């Protein structure tokens, strides 16, 4: 578990990605939007 901008983010045990992943949170009209960049289906 990680905390990103006061939001708990859970990743499964043993989760691995061959590409670097970036998790960010944006605020839009009071709603928090979680963005995951770098994800590719292999």
Protein backbone atom coordinates (compact mmCIF):
# COMPACT_ATOMS: atom_id res chain seq x y z
CA UNK A 1 0.00 0.00 0.00
CA UNK A 2 1.16 3.50 -0.85
CA UNK A 3 -0.43 6.86 -0.16
CA UNK A 4 -0.62 9.32 -3.05
CA UNK A 5 -2.04 12.75 -2.20
CA UNK A 6 -4.02 11.31 0.74
CA UNK A 7 -5.42 8.42 -1.38
CA UNK A 8 -4.50 4.81 -0.49
CA UNK A 9 -3.23 2.89 -3.51
CA UNK A 10 -3.08 -0.91 -3.28
CA UNK A 11 -0.98 -3.11 -5.56
CA UNK A 12 -1.14 -6.90 -5.39
CA UNK A 13 1.77 -8.77 -3.79
CA UNK A 14 4.35 -9.66 -6.41
CA UNK A 15 3.08 -7.04 -8.87
CA UNK A 16 5.79 -6.32 -11.41
CA UNK A 17 5.88 -4.22 -14.54
CA UNK A 18 8.62 -4.20 -17.17
CA UNK A 19 7.93 -0.46 -17.64
CA UNK A 20 8.21 2.37 -15.11
CA UNK A 21 4.80 3.35 -13.73
CA UNK A 22 3.76 6.76 -12.41
CA UNK A 23 0.70 7.22 -10.21
CA UNK A 24 -0.63 10.74 -9.78
CA UNK A 25 -3.77 12.36 -8.41
CA UNK A 26 -5.53 15.37 -9.93
CA UNK A 27 -8.27 17.45 -8.37
CA UNK A 28 -11.17 18.40 -10.65
CA UNK A 29 -14.15 20.25 -9.15
CA UNK A 30 -13.58 18.57 -5.78
CA UNK A 31 -13.22 15.07 -7.27
CA UNK A 32 -9.90 13.26 -7.11
CA UNK A 33 -8.86 11.53 -10.33
CA UNK A 34 -6.20 8.82 -10.15
CA UNK A 35 -3.92 8.59 -13.21
CA UNK A 36 -1.66 5.67 -14.00
CA UNK A 37 0.85 6.41 -16.76
CA UNK A 38 3.32 4.02 -18.30
CA UNK A 39 0.95 1.03 -18.27
CA UNK A 40 1.11 -1.18 -21.36
CA UNK A 41 -0.50 -4.54 -22.00
CA UNK A 42 2.17 -6.99 -22.99
